[in-house]
Amino acid sequence: GKYRDGEFDKSPVSGRDLTLAIDINLQAYGEYLMQNKIGSIIMIEPKTGEILCMVAAPSYDPSILTGKNFSQNYLQLEQDPYKPLINRAVSGLYPPGSTFKPSQGLIFLEEGIITPDTRYSCFGGYPPLGGRPA
């Protein structure tokens, strides 16, 4: 109902247009891939820096945070062990090595240093600088 018969109500005012570069198909696919998972996906167009897809999981339906059940629903989300209120796409902290490896792999592929069939054995450690004894 209205608070004080609408004494403090304000009429809505249209804002400015916002144009996004989100690709609806990539976004839907990213959401599909992240079902029942914890993590995030961000796809960026390298030439322009436009964000094509941004998915954080787990997620929740934002409409549950409206109406008379707001407090109950918020508390439930806040206590969820999977932490759906954390937007892992923008708030997650990840070691740079994990995010650096794919970009290096792409560069090596483009430069012909490796091929899609190249294999690398990992023995749980790092080789000395340049692969030579230090």
C-alpha atoms as a PDB file:
ATOM      1  CA  GLY A   1       0.000   0.000   0.000  1.00  0.00           C
ATOM      2  CA  LYS A   2       0.881   3.636  -0.232  1.00  0.00           C
ATOM      3  CA  TYR A   3       2.888   5.254   2.517  1.00  0.00           C
ATOM      4  CA  ARG A   4       1.043   8.297   3.895  1.00  0.00           C
ATOM      5  CA  ASP A   5      -1.379   8.250   0.980  1.00  0.00           C
ATOM      6  CA  GLY A   6       1.474   8.752  -1.487  1.00  0.00           C
ATOM      7  CA  GLU A   7       2.589  12.039   0.074  1.00  0.00           C
ATOM      8  CA  PHE A   8       6.241  11.216  -0.682  1.00  0.00           C
ATOM      9  CA  ASP A   9       5.728   9.397  -3.972  1.00  0.00           C
ATOM     10  CA  LYS A  10       7.657  10.651  -6.985  1.00  0.00           C
ATOM     11  CA  SER A  11       6.749  10.042 -10.586  1.00  0.00           C
ATOM     12  CA  PRO A  12       9.276   7.931 -12.483  1.00  0.00           C
ATOM     13  CA  VAL A  13      11.657   9.736 -14.800  1.00  0.00           C
ATOM     14  CA  SER A  14      13.174   8.016 -17.818  1.00  0.00           C
ATOM     15  CA  GLY A  15      16.931   7.703 -17.635  1.00  0.00           C
ATOM     16  CA  ARG A  16      19.453   7.664 -20.417  1.00  0.00           C
ATOM     17  CA  ASP A  17      19.824   4.777 -22.825  1.00  0.00           C
ATOM     18  CA  LEU A  18      22.537   2.249 -22.083  1.00  0.00           C
ATOM     19  CA  THR A  19      23.983   0.183 -24.910  1.00  0.00           C
ATOM     20  CA  LEU A  20      25.609  -3.106 -23.960  1.00  0.00           C
ATOM     21  CA  ALA A  21      27.839  -5.382 -25.989  1.00  0.00           C
ATOM     22  CA  ILE A  22      26.501  -8.515 -24.267  1.00  0.00           C
ATOM     23  CA  ASP A  23      25.949 -11.276 -26.811  1.00  0.00           C
ATOM     24  CA  ILE A  24      22.677 -12.906 -25.747  1.00  0.00           C
ATOM     25  CA  ASN A  25      23.690 -16.281 -27.195  1.00  0.00           C
ATOM     26  CA  LEU A  26      27.079 -16.303 -25.446  1.00  0.00           C
ATOM     27  CA  GLN A  27      25.425 -15.142 -22.230  1.00  0.00           C
ATOM     28  CA  ALA A  28      22.828 -17.918 -22.381  1.00  0.00           C
ATOM     29  CA  TYR A  29      25.532 -20.488 -23.153  1.00  0.00           C
ATOM     30  CA  GLY A  30      27.673 -19.239 -20.265  1.00  0.00           C
ATOM     31  CA  GLU A  31      24.710 -19.496 -17.900  1.00  0.00           C
ATOM     32  CA  TYR A  32      24.062 -23.017 -19.173  1.00  0.00           C
ATOM     33  CA  LEU A  33      27.706 -24.014 -18.596  1.00  0.00           C
ATOM     34  CA  MET A  34      27.677 -22.636 -15.049  1.00  0.00           C
ATOM     35  CA  GLN A  35      24.532 -24.421 -13.878  1.00  0.00           C
ATOM     36  CA  ASN A  36      25.211 -26.183 -10.567  1.00  0.00           C
ATOM     37  CA  LYS A  37      28.769 -24.838 -10.483  1.00  0.00           C
ATOM     38  CA  ILE A  38      30.656 -22.218  -8.495  1.00  0.00           C
ATOM     39  CA  GLY A  39      32.723 -19.699 -10.447  1.00  0.00           C
ATOM     40  CA  SER A  40      32.436 -17.159 -13.203  1.00  0.00           C
ATOM     41  CA  ILE A  41      32.850 -16.620 -16.917  1.00  0.00           C
ATOM     42  CA  ILE A  42      33.806 -13.335 -18.524  1.00  0.00           C
ATOM     43  CA  MET A  43      34.329 -13.065 -22.278  1.00  0.00           C
ATOM     44  CA  ILE A  44      35.887  -9.882 -23.639  1.00  0.00           C
ATOM     45  CA  GLU A  45      36.336  -8.775 -27.252  1.00  0.00           C
ATOM     46  CA  PRO A  46      40.117  -8.145 -27.346  1.00  0.00           C
ATOM     47  CA  LYS A  47      39.973  -5.479 -30.065  1.00  0.00           C
ATOM     48  CA  THR A  48      37.421  -3.270 -28.307  1.00  0.00           C
ATOM     49  CA  GLY A  49      37.419  -4.385 -24.680  1.00  0.00           C
ATOM     50  CA  GLU A  50      33.660  -4.911 -24.867  1.00  0.00           C
ATOM     51  CA  ILE A  51      32.228  -7.449 -22.443  1.00  0.00           C
ATOM     52  CA  LEU A  52      30.423 -10.102 -24.473  1.00  0.00           C
ATOM     53  CA  CYS A  53      29.402 -12.379 -21.602  1.00  0.00           C
ATOM     54  CA  MET A  54      29.527 -12.113 -17.808  1.00  0.00           C
ATOM     55  CA  VAL A  55      28.209 -14.958 -15.667  1.00  0.00           C
ATOM     56  CA  ALA A  56      28.606 -15.560 -11.939  1.00  0.00           C
ATOM     57  CA  ALA A  57      27.474 -18.756 -10.258  1.00  0.00           C
ATOM     58  CA  PRO A  58      25.671 -19.670  -8.223  1.00  0.00           C
ATOM     59  CA  SER A  59      23.099 -17.016  -8.868  1.00  0.00           C
ATOM     60  CA  TYR A  60      19.616 -16.215  -7.638  1.00  0.00           C
ATOM     61  CA  ASP A  61      16.415 -14.641  -8.920  1.00  0.00           C
ATOM     62  CA  PRO A  62      16.629 -10.949  -7.916  1.00  0.00           C
ATOM     63  CA  SER A  63      12.842 -10.715  -7.759  1.00  0.00           C
ATOM     64  CA  ILE A  64      12.912 -12.636  -4.462  1.00  0.00           C
ATOM     65  CA  LEU A  65      14.447  -9.532  -2.872  1.00  0.00           C
ATOM     66  CA  THR A  66      11.261  -7.514  -3.303  1.00  0.00           C
ATOM     67  CA  GLY A  67       8.046  -7.463  -1.368  1.00  0.00           C
ATOM     68  CA  LYS A  68       7.158  -8.591   2.115  1.00  0.00           C
ATOM     69  CA  ASN A  69       9.496 -11.615   2.124  1.00  0.00           C
ATOM     70  CA  PHE A  70      12.610  -9.524   1.408  1.00  0.00           C
ATOM     71  CA  SER A  71      14.221  -9.985   4.847  1.00  0.00           C
ATOM     72  CA  GLN A  72      13.543 -13.708   5.020  1.00  0.00           C
ATOM     73  CA  ASN A  73      14.821 -14.299   1.477  1.00  0.00           C
ATOM     74  CA  TYR A  74      17.893 -12.108   1.975  1.00  0.00           C
ATOM     75  CA  LEU A  75      18.809 -13.936   5.174  1.00  0.00           C
ATOM     76  CA  GLN A  76      18.446 -17.258   3.387  1.00  0.00           C
ATOM     77  CA  LEU A  77      20.769 -16.090   0.583  1.00  0.00           C
ATOM     78  CA  GLU A  78      23.232 -14.644   3.077  1.00  0.00           C
ATOM     79  CA  GLN A  79      23.440 -17.936   4.985  1.00  0.00           C
ATOM     80  CA  ASP A  80      23.675 -20.110   1.870  1.00  0.00           C
ATOM     81  CA  PRO A  81      27.050 -21.947   2.036  1.00  0.00           C
ATOM     82  CA  TYR A  82      27.502 -21.472  -1.733  1.00  0.00           C
ATOM     83  CA  LYS A  83      27.405 -17.663  -1.291  1.00  0.00           C
ATOM     84  CA  PRO A  84      25.136 -16.651  -4.199  1.00  0.00           C
ATOM     85  CA  LEU A  85      25.271 -12.986  -3.114  1.00  0.00           C
ATOM     86  CA  ILE A  86      28.943 -12.839  -4.121  1.00  0.00           C
ATOM     87  CA  ASN A  87      29.282 -11.833  -7.757  1.00  0.00           C
ATOM     88  CA  ARG A  88      32.369 -13.884  -8.536  1.00  0.00           C
ATOM     89  CA  ALA A  89      32.737 -12.248 -11.945  1.00  0.00           C
ATOM     90  CA  VAL A  90      33.622  -8.900 -10.361  1.00  0.00           C
ATOM     91  CA  SER A  91      34.377  -9.673  -6.706  1.00  0.00           C
ATOM     92  CA  GLY A  92      36.365 -12.886  -6.908  1.00  0.00           C
ATOM     93  CA  LEU A  93      40.101 -12.821  -6.262  1.00  0.00           C
ATOM     94  CA  TYR A  94      42.051 -15.236  -8.430  1.00  0.00           C
ATOM     95  CA  PRO A  95      45.805 -15.839  -8.658  1.00  0.00           C
ATOM     96  CA  PRO A  96      47.137 -14.091 -11.771  1.00  0.00           C
ATOM     97  CA  GLY A  97      48.840 -17.276 -12.969  1.00  0.00           C
ATOM     98  CA  SER A  98      45.504 -18.967 -13.457  1.00  0.00           C
ATOM     99  CA  THR A  99      44.161 -16.098 -15.528  1.00  0.00           C
ATOM    100  CA  PHE A 100      47.471 -15.557 -17.348  1.00  0.00           C
ATOM    101  CA  LYS A 101      47.914 -19.069 -18.763  1.00  0.00           C
ATOM    102  CA  PRO A 102      45.106 -18.980 -21.367  1.00  0.00           C
ATOM    103  CA  SER A 103      46.332 -15.683 -22.814  1.00  0.00           C
ATOM    104  CA  GLN A 104      49.877 -17.034 -23.070  1.00  0.00           C
ATOM    105  CA  GLY A 105      48.586 -20.203 -24.709  1.00  0.00           C
ATOM    106  CA  LEU A 106      46.772 -18.153 -27.354  1.00  0.00           C
ATOM    107  CA  ILE A 107      49.877 -16.075 -28.041  1.00  0.00           C
ATOM    108  CA  PHE A 108      52.015 -19.222 -28.390  1.00  0.00           C
ATOM    109  CA  LEU A 109      49.457 -20.697 -30.805  1.00  0.00           C
ATOM    110  CA  GLU A 110      49.366 -17.521 -32.911  1.00  0.00           C
ATOM    111  CA  GLU A 111      53.170 -17.329 -33.022  1.00  0.00           C
ATOM    112  CA  GLY A 112      53.512 -20.995 -34.006  1.00  0.00           C
ATOM    113  CA  ILE A 113      55.463 -21.857 -30.855  1.00  0.00           C
ATOM    114  CA  ILE A 114      52.952 -24.596 -30.066  1.00  0.00           C
ATOM    115  CA  THR A 115      50.173 -26.350 -31.957  1.00  0.00           C
ATOM    116  CA  PRO A 116      46.780 -27.578 -30.751  1.00  0.00           C
ATOM    117  CA  ASP A 117      48.431 -31.020 -30.411  1.00  0.00           C
ATOM    118  CA  THR A 118      51.322 -29.833 -28.212  1.00  0.00           C
ATOM    119  CA  ARG A 119      51.439 -31.593 -24.846  1.00  0.00           C
ATOM    120  CA  TYR A 120      53.152 -30.410 -21.687  1.00  0.00           C
ATOM    121  CA  SER A 121      53.826 -32.659 -18.716  1.00  0.00           C
ATOM    122  CA  CYS A 122      53.422 -31.043 -15.330  1.00  0.00           C
ATOM    123  CA  PHE A 123      55.300 -32.644 -12.472  1.00  0.00           C
ATOM    124  CA  GLY A 124      53.935 -30.351  -9.778  1.00  0.00           C
ATOM    125  CA  GLY A 125      56.672 -27.746  -9.920  1.00  0.00           C
ATOM    126  CA  TYR A 126      58.326 -25.102 -12.038  1.00  0.00           C
ATOM    127  CA  PRO A 127      61.406 -25.768 -14.186  1.00  0.00           C
ATOM    128  CA  PRO A 128      64.419 -23.540 -13.556  1.00  0.00           C
ATOM    129  CA  LEU A 129      64.467 -20.262 -15.453  1.00  0.00           C
ATOM    130  CA  GLY A 130      64.542 -21.006 -19.178  1.00  0.00           C
ATOM    131  CA  GLY A 131      64.430 -24.744 -18.504  1.00  0.00           C
ATOM    132  CA  ARG A 132      68.163 -24.719 -17.703  1.00  0.00           C
ATOM    133  CA  PRO A 133      69.767 -25.447 -14.336  1.00  0.00           C
ATOM    134  CA  ALA A 134      70.014 -22.239 -12.334  1.00  0.00           C
END
